[in-house]
Amino acid sequence: MTIKKFFQIAPFIFFIAFAMPFQSNAAANLPVTDSTADARIVSEIVSRVTEIQNMDKTSLSASEKKVLKNELNAMKHRAEGLNSRVYLSVGAIIIIILLLILIL
């Protein structure tokens, strides 16, 4: 293998090696800690959803069903906002470190 071929293939090898996302099993074993406000919001959402599930929806009009559906969608978006995280791959971290080294 010549050096020219190596430098042609090396970027692809590094891309494949560092761009694959992975998840550590150690993070799965950590206890989940929520703030009290988030826990209160989640309990309110859960209680309201179970209340809606136990309702007799056959006697509701179409507009009332639409209001319930909109309320459930709003609660879903609110619950998704509580669990917002940013994930970085190993390749992205390496690129950030290299950029910081070059800039500083």
C-alpha atoms as a PDB file:
ATOM      1  CA  MET A   1       0.000   0.000   0.000  1.00  0.00           C
ATOM      2  CA  THR A   2       1.456   3.300  -1.004  1.00  0.00           C
ATOM      3  CA  ILE A   3       1.285   6.453   1.050  1.00  0.00           C
ATOM      4  CA  LYS A   4      -0.901   8.111  -1.557  1.00  0.00           C
ATOM      5  CA  LYS A   5      -3.516   5.350  -1.265  1.00  0.00           C
ATOM      6  CA  PHE A   6      -3.299   5.485   2.527  1.00  0.00           C
ATOM      7  CA  PHE A   7      -4.100   9.205   2.564  1.00  0.00           C
ATOM      8  CA  GLN A   8      -7.022   8.595   0.217  1.00  0.00           C
ATOM      9  CA  ILE A   9      -8.488   5.855   2.399  1.00  0.00           C
ATOM     10  CA  ALA A  10      -7.643   7.294   5.850  1.00  0.00           C
ATOM     11  CA  PRO A  11     -10.467   9.914   5.974  1.00  0.00           C
ATOM     12  CA  PHE A  12     -13.075   7.241   5.281  1.00  0.00           C
ATOM     13  CA  ILE A  13     -11.627   4.947   7.938  1.00  0.00           C
ATOM     14  CA  PHE A  14     -11.641   7.757  10.523  1.00  0.00           C
ATOM     15  CA  PHE A  15     -15.167   8.751   9.542  1.00  0.00           C
ATOM     16  CA  ILE A  16     -16.457   5.208   9.962  1.00  0.00           C
ATOM     17  CA  ALA A  17     -14.549   4.685  13.211  1.00  0.00           C
ATOM     18  CA  PHE A  18     -15.633   7.898  14.943  1.00  0.00           C
ATOM     19  CA  ALA A  19     -19.025   8.722  13.440  1.00  0.00           C
ATOM     20  CA  MET A  20     -20.852   5.667  14.750  1.00  0.00           C
ATOM     21  CA  PRO A  21     -22.985   6.617  17.743  1.00  0.00           C
ATOM     22  CA  PHE A  22     -22.873   4.360  20.765  1.00  0.00           C
ATOM     23  CA  GLN A  23     -24.339   4.233  24.229  1.00  0.00           C
ATOM     24  CA  SER A  24     -22.553   3.241  27.370  1.00  0.00           C
ATOM     25  CA  ASN A  25     -24.162   0.604  29.579  1.00  0.00           C
ATOM     26  CA  ALA A  26     -22.863   2.425  32.658  1.00  0.00           C
ATOM     27  CA  ALA A  27     -25.288   5.288  32.044  1.00  0.00           C
ATOM     28  CA  ALA A  28     -28.241   2.898  32.126  1.00  0.00           C
ATOM     29  CA  ASN A  29     -27.404   1.817  35.683  1.00  0.00           C
ATOM     30  CA  LEU A  30     -27.367   5.331  37.133  1.00  0.00           C
ATOM     31  CA  PRO A  31     -30.384   6.335  39.222  1.00  0.00           C
ATOM     32  CA  VAL A  32     -32.707   8.796  37.550  1.00  0.00           C
ATOM     33  CA  THR A  33     -33.015  12.040  39.478  1.00  0.00           C
ATOM     34  CA  ASP A  34     -35.761  14.480  38.599  1.00  0.00           C
ATOM     35  CA  SER A  35     -36.321  17.814  40.164  1.00  0.00           C
ATOM     36  CA  THR A  36     -39.442  18.118  42.279  1.00  0.00           C
ATOM     37  CA  ALA A  37     -41.072  20.441  39.752  1.00  0.00           C
ATOM     38  CA  ASP A  38     -40.556  17.972  36.913  1.00  0.00           C
ATOM     39  CA  ALA A  39     -41.860  15.114  39.059  1.00  0.00           C
ATOM     40  CA  ARG A  40     -44.961  17.131  39.962  1.00  0.00           C
ATOM     41  CA  ILE A  41     -45.633  17.979  36.300  1.00  0.00           C
ATOM     42  CA  VAL A  42     -45.220  14.353  35.269  1.00  0.00           C
ATOM     43  CA  SER A  43     -47.590  13.153  37.980  1.00  0.00           C
ATOM     44  CA  GLU A  44     -50.181  15.722  36.873  1.00  0.00           C
ATOM     45  CA  ILE A  45     -49.860  14.589  33.257  1.00  0.00           C
ATOM     46  CA  VAL A  46     -50.148  10.915  34.204  1.00  0.00           C
ATOM     47  CA  SER A  47     -53.204  11.482  36.361  1.00  0.00           C
ATOM     48  CA  ARG A  48     -54.932  13.521  33.633  1.00  0.00           C
ATOM     49  CA  VAL A  49     -54.148  10.929  30.944  1.00  0.00           C
ATOM     50  CA  THR A  50     -55.535   8.103  33.079  1.00  0.00           C
ATOM     51  CA  GLU A  51     -58.607  10.242  33.770  1.00  0.00           C
ATOM     52  CA  ILE A  52     -59.125  10.743  30.020  1.00  0.00           C
ATOM     53  CA  GLN A  53     -58.593   7.016  29.347  1.00  0.00           C
ATOM     54  CA  ASN A  54     -61.264   6.097  31.895  1.00  0.00           C
ATOM     55  CA  MET A  55     -63.817   8.539  30.442  1.00  0.00           C
ATOM     56  CA  ASP A  56     -66.789   7.326  28.437  1.00  0.00           C
ATOM     57  CA  LYS A  57     -66.028   8.961  25.108  1.00  0.00           C
ATOM     58  CA  THR A  58     -69.064   7.602  23.281  1.00  0.00           C
ATOM     59  CA  SER A  59     -71.320  10.313  24.677  1.00  0.00           C
ATOM     60  CA  LEU A  60     -68.985  13.160  23.675  1.00  0.00           C
ATOM     61  CA  SER A  61     -69.585  15.323  20.634  1.00  0.00           C
ATOM     62  CA  ALA A  62     -67.005  15.704  17.861  1.00  0.00           C
ATOM     63  CA  SER A  63     -65.862  19.095  19.122  1.00  0.00           C
ATOM     64  CA  GLU A  64     -65.357  17.742  22.660  1.00  0.00           C
ATOM     65  CA  LYS A  65     -63.331  14.828  21.288  1.00  0.00           C
ATOM     66  CA  LYS A  66     -61.217  17.295  19.322  1.00  0.00           C
ATOM     67  CA  VAL A  67     -60.587  19.333  22.484  1.00  0.00           C
ATOM     68  CA  LEU A  68     -59.490  16.161  24.327  1.00  0.00           C
ATOM     69  CA  LYS A  69     -57.193  15.208  21.454  1.00  0.00           C
ATOM     70  CA  ASN A  70     -55.621  18.680  21.432  1.00  0.00           C
ATOM     71  CA  GLU A  71     -55.165  18.503  25.206  1.00  0.00           C
ATOM     72  CA  LEU A  72     -53.435  15.117  24.925  1.00  0.00           C
ATOM     73  CA  ASN A  73     -51.128  16.440  22.189  1.00  0.00           C
ATOM     74  CA  ALA A  74     -50.248  19.475  24.324  1.00  0.00           C
ATOM     75  CA  MET A  75     -49.450  17.224  27.290  1.00  0.00           C
ATOM     76  CA  LYS A  76     -47.321  15.004  25.040  1.00  0.00           C
ATOM     77  CA  HIS A  77     -45.269  17.980  23.836  1.00  0.00           C
ATOM     78  CA  ARG A  78     -44.937  19.240  27.397  1.00  0.00           C
ATOM     79  CA  ALA A  79     -43.692  15.832  28.597  1.00  0.00           C
ATOM     80  CA  GLU A  80     -41.202  15.584  25.724  1.00  0.00           C
ATOM     81  CA  GLY A  81     -39.809  18.982  26.684  1.00  0.00           C
ATOM     82  CA  LEU A  82     -38.974  17.710  30.170  1.00  0.00           C
ATOM     83  CA  ASN A  83     -36.558  15.127  28.782  1.00  0.00           C
ATOM     84  CA  SER A  84     -34.501  17.260  26.424  1.00  0.00           C
ATOM     85  CA  ARG A  85     -30.872  16.227  26.132  1.00  0.00           C
ATOM     86  CA  VAL A  86     -28.035  16.819  23.709  1.00  0.00           C
ATOM     87  CA  TYR A  87     -26.069  13.844  22.439  1.00  0.00           C
ATOM     88  CA  LEU A  88     -22.586  14.131  20.966  1.00  0.00           C
ATOM     89  CA  SER A  89     -20.804  11.381  19.083  1.00  0.00           C
ATOM     90  CA  VAL A  90     -17.139  10.623  19.642  1.00  0.00           C
ATOM     91  CA  GLY A  91     -16.314  12.065  16.233  1.00  0.00           C
ATOM     92  CA  ALA A  92     -18.043  15.338  17.061  1.00  0.00           C
ATOM     93  CA  ILE A  93     -16.151  15.607  20.346  1.00  0.00           C
ATOM     94  CA  ILE A  94     -12.832  15.000  18.571  1.00  0.00           C
ATOM     95  CA  ILE A  95     -13.641  17.641  15.950  1.00  0.00           C
ATOM     96  CA  ILE A  96     -14.573  20.143  18.659  1.00  0.00           C
ATOM     97  CA  ILE A  97     -11.333  19.462  20.539  1.00  0.00           C
ATOM     98  CA  LEU A  98      -9.277  19.823  17.360  1.00  0.00           C
ATOM     99  CA  LEU A  99     -11.004  23.112  16.516  1.00  0.00           C
ATOM    100  CA  LEU A 100     -10.355  24.425  20.015  1.00  0.00           C
ATOM    101  CA  ILE A 101      -6.691  23.456  19.738  1.00  0.00           C
ATOM    102  CA  LEU A 102      -6.390  25.213  16.373  1.00  0.00           C
ATOM    103  CA  ILE A 103      -8.167  28.346  17.564  1.00  0.00           C
ATOM    104  CA  LEU A 104      -6.299  28.645  20.852  1.00  0.00           C
END
